[in-house]
């Protein structure tokens, strides 16, 4: 069992959406396995998972949906 570094609570395994920058492009990757803190919601992604995302994005990959995103400054 993993323990959250921030609050000391238990972590559970979940699949989540992840915003992922690769080659100066932003992707939303769905169904990414991660550990999520049950108390504060902090997420921990294994390096192997992040490397796998990079490898997938380097190759031809299926695009499920395209969305328009606005960038604003505060």
PDB file of N, CA and C in Angstrom:
ATOM      1  N   UNK A   1       0.843  -1.185   0.000  1.00  0.00           N
ATOM      2  CA  UNK A   1       0.000   0.000   0.000  1.00  0.00           C
ATOM      3  C   UNK A   1       0.886   1.245   0.000  1.00  0.00           C
ATOM      4  N   UNK A   2       0.557   2.184  -0.889  1.00  0.00           N
ATOM      5  CA  UNK A   2       1.289   3.454  -0.922  1.00  0.00           C
ATOM      6  C   UNK A   2       0.649   4.431   0.059  1.00  0.00           C
ATOM      7  N   UNK A   3       1.492   5.328   0.570  1.00  0.00           N
ATOM      8  CA  UNK A   3       1.049   6.382   1.479  1.00  0.00           C
ATOM      9  C   UNK A   3       1.359   7.734   0.837  1.00  0.00           C
ATOM     10  N   UNK A   4       0.430   8.661   0.921  1.00  0.00           N
ATOM     11  CA  UNK A   4       0.588   9.998   0.346  1.00  0.00           C
ATOM     12  C   UNK A   4       1.708  10.754   1.052  1.00  0.00           C
ATOM     13  N   UNK A   5       2.602  11.333   0.282  1.00  0.00           N
ATOM     14  CA  UNK A   5       3.705  12.126   0.844  1.00  0.00           C
ATOM     15  C   UNK A   5       3.227  13.431   1.462  1.00  0.00           C
ATOM     16  N   UNK A   6       2.072  13.935   1.025  1.00  0.00           N
ATOM     17  CA  UNK A   6       1.599  15.230   1.502  1.00  0.00           C
ATOM     18  C   UNK A   6       0.786  15.126   2.792  1.00  0.00           C
ATOM     19  N   UNK A   7      -0.136  14.148   2.853  1.00  0.00           N
ATOM     20  CA  UNK A   7      -1.007  14.116   4.031  1.00  0.00           C
ATOM     21  C   UNK A   7      -0.921  12.811   4.817  1.00  0.00           C
ATOM     22  N   UNK A   8      -0.196  11.824   4.295  1.00  0.00           N
ATOM     23  CA  UNK A   8      -0.016  10.575   5.019  1.00  0.00           C
ATOM     24  C   UNK A   8      -1.166   9.587   4.907  1.00  0.00           C
ATOM     25  N   UNK A   9      -2.147   9.885   4.048  1.00  0.00           N
ATOM     26  CA  UNK A   9      -3.291   8.988   3.896  1.00  0.00           C
ATOM     27  C   UNK A   9      -3.002   7.877   2.890  1.00  0.00           C
ATOM     28  N   UNK A  10      -3.922   6.934   2.832  1.00  0.00           N
ATOM     29  CA  UNK A  10      -3.801   5.788   1.931  1.00  0.00           C
ATOM     30  C   UNK A  10      -4.009   6.213   0.478  1.00  0.00           C
ATOM     31  N   UNK A  11      -3.325   5.526  -0.427  1.00  0.00           N
ATOM     32  CA  UNK A  11      -3.481   5.745  -1.862  1.00  0.00           C
ATOM     33  C   UNK A  11      -4.252   4.564  -2.441  1.00  0.00           C
ATOM     34  N   UNK A  12      -5.099   4.829  -3.436  1.00  0.00           N
ATOM     35  CA  UNK A  12      -5.796   3.756  -4.141  1.00  0.00           C
ATOM     36  C   UNK A  12      -5.485   3.865  -5.630  1.00  0.00           C
ATOM     37  N   UNK A  13      -5.559   2.750  -6.327  1.00  0.00           N
ATOM     38  CA  UNK A  13      -5.303   2.764  -7.762  1.00  0.00           C
ATOM     39  C   UNK A  13      -6.582   3.145  -8.496  1.00  0.00           C
ATOM     40  N   UNK A  14      -6.439   4.066  -9.454  1.00  0.00           N
ATOM     41  CA  UNK A  14      -7.558   4.526 -10.272  1.00  0.00           C
ATOM     42  C   UNK A  14      -7.055   4.757 -11.685  1.00  0.00           C
ATOM     43  N   UNK A  15      -7.973   4.868 -12.620  1.00  0.00           N
ATOM     44  CA  UNK A  15      -7.648   5.305 -13.974  1.00  0.00           C
ATOM     45  C   UNK A  15      -8.225   6.706 -14.129  1.00  0.00           C
ATOM     46  N   UNK A  16      -7.397   7.635 -14.627  1.00  0.00           N
ATOM     47  CA  UNK A  16      -7.773   9.045 -14.681  1.00  0.00           C
ATOM     48  C   UNK A  16      -7.428   9.632 -16.042  1.00  0.00           C
ATOM     49  N   UNK A  17      -7.911  10.855 -16.275  1.00  0.00           N
ATOM     50  CA  UNK A  17      -7.468  11.647 -17.423  1.00  0.00           C
ATOM     51  C   UNK A  17      -6.236  12.424 -16.988  1.00  0.00           C
ATOM     52  N   UNK A  18      -5.256  12.538 -17.894  1.00  0.00           N
ATOM     53  CA  UNK A  18      -4.032  13.268 -17.572  1.00  0.00           C
ATOM     54  C   UNK A  18      -3.742  14.274 -18.675  1.00  0.00           C
ATOM     55  N   UNK A  19      -3.473  15.517 -18.288  1.00  0.00           N
ATOM     56  CA  UNK A  19      -2.958  16.504 -19.236  1.00  0.00           C
ATOM     57  C   UNK A  19      -1.480  16.218 -19.402  1.00  0.00           C
ATOM     58  N   UNK A  20      -1.027  16.057 -20.640  1.00  0.00           N
ATOM     59  CA  UNK A  20       0.348  15.602 -20.879  1.00  0.00           C
ATOM     60  C   UNK A  20       0.958  16.412 -22.021  1.00  0.00           C
ATOM     61  N   UNK A  21       2.015  17.140 -21.740  1.00  0.00           N
ATOM     62  CA  UNK A  21       2.741  17.891 -22.768  1.00  0.00           C
ATOM     63  C   UNK A  21       3.762  16.977 -23.414  1.00  0.00           C
ATOM     64  N   UNK A  22       3.810  16.981 -24.760  1.00  0.00           N
ATOM     65  CA  UNK A  22       4.785  16.188 -25.496  1.00  0.00           C
ATOM     66  C   UNK A  22       5.096  16.910 -26.795  1.00  0.00           C
ATOM     67  N   UNK A  23       6.380  17.172 -27.029  1.00  0.00           N
ATOM     68  CA  UNK A  23       6.827  17.884 -28.240  1.00  0.00           C
ATOM     69  C   UNK A  23       6.045  19.183 -28.459  1.00  0.00           C
ATOM     70  N   UNK A  24       5.904  19.971 -27.399  1.00  0.00           N
ATOM     71  CA  UNK A  24       5.256  21.279 -27.421  1.00  0.00           C
ATOM     72  C   UNK A  24       3.776  21.222 -27.787  1.00  0.00           C
ATOM     73  N   UNK A  25       3.147  20.052 -27.608  1.00  0.00           N
ATOM     74  CA  UNK A  25       1.717  19.907 -27.822  1.00  0.00           C
ATOM     75  C   UNK A  25       1.094  19.353 -26.549  1.00  0.00           C
ATOM     76  N   UNK A  26      -0.120  19.806 -26.270  1.00  0.00           N
ATOM     77  CA  UNK A  26      -0.847  19.341 -25.100  1.00  0.00           C
ATOM     78  C   UNK A  26      -1.828  18.255 -25.504  1.00  0.00           C
ATOM     79  N   UNK A  27      -1.797  17.147 -24.780  1.00  0.00           N
ATOM     80  CA  UNK A  27      -2.705  16.030 -25.007  1.00  0.00           C
ATOM     81  C   UNK A  27      -3.506  15.777 -23.741  1.00  0.00           C
ATOM     82  N   UNK A  28      -4.715  15.271 -23.904  1.00  0.00           N
ATOM     83  CA  UNK A  28      -5.475  14.728 -22.792  1.00  0.00           C
ATOM     84  C   UNK A  28      -5.497  13.226 -23.016  1.00  0.00           C
ATOM     85  N   UNK A  29      -4.886  12.496 -22.103  1.00  0.00           N
ATOM     86  CA  UNK A  29      -4.784  11.046 -22.224  1.00  0.00           C
ATOM     87  C   UNK A  29      -5.756  10.431 -21.223  1.00  0.00           C
ATOM     88  N   UNK A  30      -6.642   9.580 -21.721  1.00  0.00           N
ATOM     89  CA  UNK A  30      -7.648   8.954 -20.861  1.00  0.00           C
ATOM     90  C   UNK A  30      -7.197   7.583 -20.384  1.00  0.00           C
ATOM     91  N   UNK A  31      -7.794   7.137 -19.301  1.00  0.00           N
ATOM     92  CA  UNK A  31      -7.576   5.788 -18.750  1.00  0.00           C
ATOM     93  C   UNK A  31      -6.133   5.537 -18.326  1.00  0.00           C
ATOM     94  N   UNK A  32      -5.517   6.536 -17.720  1.00  0.00           N
ATOM     95  CA  UNK A  32      -4.129   6.410 -17.268  1.00  0.00           C
ATOM     96  C   UNK A  32      -4.130   5.851 -15.842  1.00  0.00           C
ATOM     97  N   UNK A  33      -3.459   4.722 -15.617  1.00  0.00           N
ATOM     98  CA  UNK A  33      -3.404   4.172 -14.260  1.00  0.00           C
ATOM     99  C   UNK A  33      -2.526   5.035 -13.358  1.00  0.00           C
ATOM    100  N   UNK A  34      -2.997   5.277 -12.153  1.00  0.00           N
ATOM    101  CA  UNK A  34      -2.266   6.097 -11.206  1.00  0.00           C
ATOM    102  C   UNK A  34      -2.662   5.718  -9.783  1.00  0.00           C
ATOM    103  N   UNK A  35      -1.917   6.225  -8.824  1.00  0.00           N
ATOM    104  CA  UNK A  35      -2.278   6.106  -7.415  1.00  0.00           C
ATOM    105  C   UNK A  35      -2.849   7.459  -6.992  1.00  0.00           C
ATOM    106  N   UNK A  36      -4.016   7.449  -6.344  1.00  0.00           N
ATOM    107  CA  UNK A  36      -4.692   8.683  -5.930  1.00  0.00           C
ATOM    108  C   UNK A  36      -4.921   8.634  -4.424  1.00  0.00           C
ATOM    109  N   UNK A  37      -4.585   9.726  -3.743  1.00  0.00           N
ATOM    110  CA  UNK A  37      -4.799   9.815  -2.295  1.00  0.00           C
ATOM    111  C   UNK A  37      -6.292   9.932  -2.004  1.00  0.00           C
ATOM    112  N   UNK A  38      -6.761   9.098  -1.067  1.00  0.00           N
ATOM    113  CA  UNK A  38      -8.183   9.110  -0.720  1.00  0.00           C
ATOM    114  C   UNK A  38      -8.574  10.369   0.062  1.00  0.00           C
ATOM    115  N   UNK A  39      -7.596  11.045   0.660  1.00  0.00           N
ATOM    116  CA  UNK A  39      -7.887  12.221   1.478  1.00  0.00           C
ATOM    117  C   UNK A  39      -7.726  13.526   0.697  1.00  0.00           C
ATOM    118  N   UNK A  40      -6.545  13.743   0.094  1.00  0.00           N
ATOM    119  CA  UNK A  40      -6.277  15.043  -0.539  1.00  0.00           C
ATOM    120  C   UNK A  40      -6.333  15.013  -2.067  1.00  0.00           C
ATOM    121  N   UNK A  41      -6.405  13.814  -2.661  1.00  0.00           N
ATOM    122  CA  UNK A  41      -6.536  13.721  -4.111  1.00  0.00           C
ATOM    123  C   UNK A  41      -5.233  13.795  -4.888  1.00  0.00           C
ATOM    124  N   UNK A  42      -4.108  13.894  -4.197  1.00  0.00           N
ATOM    125  CA  UNK A  42      -2.805  13.939  -4.875  1.00  0.00           C
ATOM    126  C   UNK A  42      -2.648  12.690  -5.742  1.00  0.00           C
ATOM    127  N   UNK A  43      -2.039  12.856  -6.927  1.00  0.00           N
ATOM    128  CA  UNK A  43      -1.860  11.746  -7.858  1.00  0.00           C
ATOM    129  C   UNK A  43      -0.381  11.431  -8.016  1.00  0.00           C
ATOM    130  N   UNK A  44      -0.079  10.152  -8.112  1.00  0.00           N
ATOM    131  CA  UNK A  44       1.291   9.687  -8.353  1.00  0.00           C
ATOM    132  C   UNK A  44       1.291   8.810  -9.596  1.00  0.00           C
ATOM    133  N   UNK A  45       2.032   9.247 -10.621  1.00  0.00           N
ATOM    134  CA  UNK A  45       2.161   8.490 -11.857  1.00  0.00           C
ATOM    135  C   UNK A  45       3.524   7.813 -11.862  1.00  0.00           C
ATOM    136  N   UNK A  46       3.557   6.513 -12.128  1.00  0.00           N
ATOM    137  CA  UNK A  46       4.823   5.798 -12.214  1.00  0.00           C
ATOM    138  C   UNK A  46       5.574   6.267 -13.461  1.00  0.00           C
ATOM    139  N   UNK A  47       6.884   6.360 -13.374  1.00  0.00           N
ATOM    140  CA  UNK A  47       7.715   6.796 -14.505  1.00  0.00           C
ATOM    141  C   UNK A  47       7.483   5.897 -15.716  1.00  0.00           C
ATOM    142  N   UNK A  48       7.309   4.615 -15.490  1.00  0.00           N
ATOM    143  CA  UNK A  48       7.064   3.678 -16.584  1.00  0.00           C
ATOM    144  C   UNK A  48       5.779   4.047 -17.340  1.00  0.00           C
ATOM    145  N   UNK A  49       4.750   4.470 -16.621  1.00  0.00           N
ATOM    146  CA  UNK A  49       3.489   4.880 -17.248  1.00  0.00           C
ATOM    147  C   UNK A  49       3.694   6.132 -18.089  1.00  0.00           C
ATOM    148  N   UNK A  50       4.445   7.103 -17.566  1.00  0.00           N
ATOM    149  CA  UNK A  50       4.693   8.341 -18.310  1.00  0.00           C
ATOM    150  C   UNK A  50       5.535   8.066 -19.559  1.00  0.00           C
ATOM    151  N   UNK A  51       6.509   7.169 -19.445  1.00  0.00           N
ATOM    152  CA  UNK A  51       7.310   6.784 -20.613  1.00  0.00           C
ATOM    153  C   UNK A  51       6.434   6.103 -21.658  1.00  0.00           C
ATOM    154  N   UNK A  52       5.506   5.278 -21.215  1.00  0.00           N
ATOM    155  CA  UNK A  52       4.601   4.586 -22.130  1.00  0.00           C
ATOM    156  C   UNK A  52       3.726   5.587 -22.890  1.00  0.00           C
ATOM    157  N   UNK A  53       3.263   6.633 -22.209  1.00  0.00           N
ATOM    158  CA  UNK A  53       2.475   7.684 -22.872  1.00  0.00           C
ATOM    159  C   UNK A  53       3.323   8.360 -23.948  1.00  0.00           C
ATOM    160  N   UNK A  54       4.557   8.719 -23.610  1.00  0.00           N
ATOM    161  CA  UNK A  54       5.450   9.350 -24.595  1.00  0.00           C
ATOM    162  C   UNK A  54       5.649   8.463 -25.820  1.00  0.00           C
ATOM    163  N   UNK A  55       5.892   7.176 -25.583  1.00  0.00           N
ATOM    164  CA  UNK A  55       6.097   6.242 -26.706  1.00  0.00           C
ATOM    165  C   UNK A  55       4.842   6.167 -27.576  1.00  0.00           C
ATOM    166  N   UNK A  56       3.671   6.133 -26.957  1.00  0.00           N
ATOM    167  CA  UNK A  56       2.417   6.074 -27.703  1.00  0.00           C
ATOM    168  C   UNK A  56       2.247   7.317 -28.574  1.00  0.00           C
ATOM    169  N   UNK A  57       2.574   8.491 -28.015  1.00  0.00           N
ATOM    170  CA  UNK A  57       2.382   9.741 -28.748  1.00  0.00           C
ATOM    171  C   UNK A  57       3.405   9.917 -29.866  1.00  0.00           C
ATOM    172  N   UNK A  58       4.558   9.256 -29.767  1.00  0.00           N
ATOM    173  CA  UNK A  58       5.555   9.307 -30.834  1.00  0.00           C
ATOM    174  C   UNK A  58       5.080   8.581 -32.089  1.00  0.00           C
ATOM    175  N   UNK A  59       4.256   7.564 -31.896  1.00  0.00           N
ATOM    176  CA  UNK A  59       3.776   6.746 -33.007  1.00  0.00           C
ATOM    177  C   UNK A  59       2.423   7.259 -33.478  1.00  0.00           C
ATOM    178  N   UNK A  60       1.957   6.726 -34.599  1.00  0.00           N
ATOM    179  CA  UNK A  60       0.590   7.025 -35.008  1.00  0.00           C
ATOM    180  C   UNK A  60      -0.338   6.497 -33.927  1.00  0.00           C
ATOM    181  N   UNK A  61      -1.293   7.309 -33.523  1.00  0.00           N
ATOM    182  CA  UNK A  61      -2.209   6.917 -32.465  1.00  0.00           C
ATOM    183  C   UNK A  61      -3.619   7.391 -32.803  1.00  0.00           C
ATOM    184  N   UNK A  62      -4.584   6.683 -32.270  1.00  0.00           N
ATOM    185  CA  UNK A  62      -5.977   7.044 -32.499  1.00  0.00           C
ATOM    186  C   UNK A  62      -6.319   8.309 -31.718  1.00  0.00           C
ATOM    187  N   UNK A  63      -6.985   9.233 -32.386  1.00  0.00           N
ATOM    188  CA  UNK A  63      -7.472  10.449 -31.735  1.00  0.00           C
ATOM    189  C   UNK A  63      -8.960  10.261 -31.484  1.00  0.00           C
ATOM    190  N   UNK A  64      -9.342  10.252 -30.220  1.00  0.00           N
ATOM    191  CA  UNK A  64     -10.736  10.018 -29.836  1.00  0.00           C
ATOM    192  C   UNK A  64     -11.576  11.266 -30.070  1.00  0.00           C
ATOM    193  N   UNK A  65     -10.985  12.432 -29.793  1.00  0.00           N
ATOM    194  CA  UNK A  65     -11.725  13.691 -29.899  1.00  0.00           C
ATOM    195  C   UNK A  65     -10.730  14.840 -29.984  1.00  0.00           C
ATOM    196  N   UNK A  66     -11.103  15.908 -30.658  1.00  0.00           N
ATOM    197  CA  UNK A  66     -10.316  17.138 -30.675  1.00  0.00           C
ATOM    198  C   UNK A  66     -11.167  18.236 -30.027  1.00  0.00           C
ATOM    199  N   UNK A  67     -10.510  19.053 -29.190  1.00  0.00           N
ATOM    200  CA  UNK A  67     -11.220  20.158 -28.550  1.00  0.00           C
ATOM    201  C   UNK A  67     -10.424  21.436 -28.730  1.00  0.00           C
ATOM    202  N   UNK A  68     -11.107  22.548 -28.614  1.00  0.00           N
ATOM    203  CA  UNK A  68     -10.449  23.853 -28.684  1.00  0.00           C
ATOM    204  C   UNK A  68     -10.224  24.348 -27.263  1.00  0.00           C
ATOM    205  N   UNK A  69      -9.020  24.848 -26.982  1.00  0.00           N
ATOM    206  CA  UNK A  69      -8.699  25.314 -25.651  1.00  0.00           C
ATOM    207  C   UNK A  69      -8.220  26.764 -25.735  1.00  0.00           C
ATOM    208  N   UNK A  70      -8.752  27.620 -24.882  1.00  0.00           N
ATOM    209  CA  UNK A  70      -8.319  29.010 -24.813  1.00  0.00           C
ATOM    210  C   UNK A  70      -7.241  29.147 -23.758  1.00  0.00           C
ATOM    211  N   UNK A  71      -6.235  29.963 -24.055  1.00  0.00           N
ATOM    212  CA  UNK A  71      -5.175  30.276 -23.094  1.00  0.00           C
ATOM    213  C   UNK A  71      -5.354  31.742 -22.708  1.00  0.00           C
ATOM    214  N   UNK A  72      -5.487  32.008 -21.412  1.00  0.00           N
ATOM    215  CA  UNK A  72      -5.679  33.376 -20.924  1.00  0.00           C
ATOM    216  C   UNK A  72      -4.668  33.669 -19.825  1.00  0.00           C
ATOM    217  N   UNK A  73      -4.434  34.932 -19.566  1.00  0.00           N
ATOM    218  CA  UNK A  73      -3.525  35.347 -18.497  1.00  0.00           C
ATOM    219  C   UNK A  73      -4.328  36.035 -17.408  1.00  0.00           C
ATOM    220  N   UNK A  74      -3.892  35.861 -16.185  1.00  0.00           N
ATOM    221  CA  UNK A  74      -4.563  36.497 -15.043  1.00  0.00           C
ATOM    222  C   UNK A  74      -3.938  37.852 -14.785  1.00  0.00           C
TER     223      UNK A  74
END
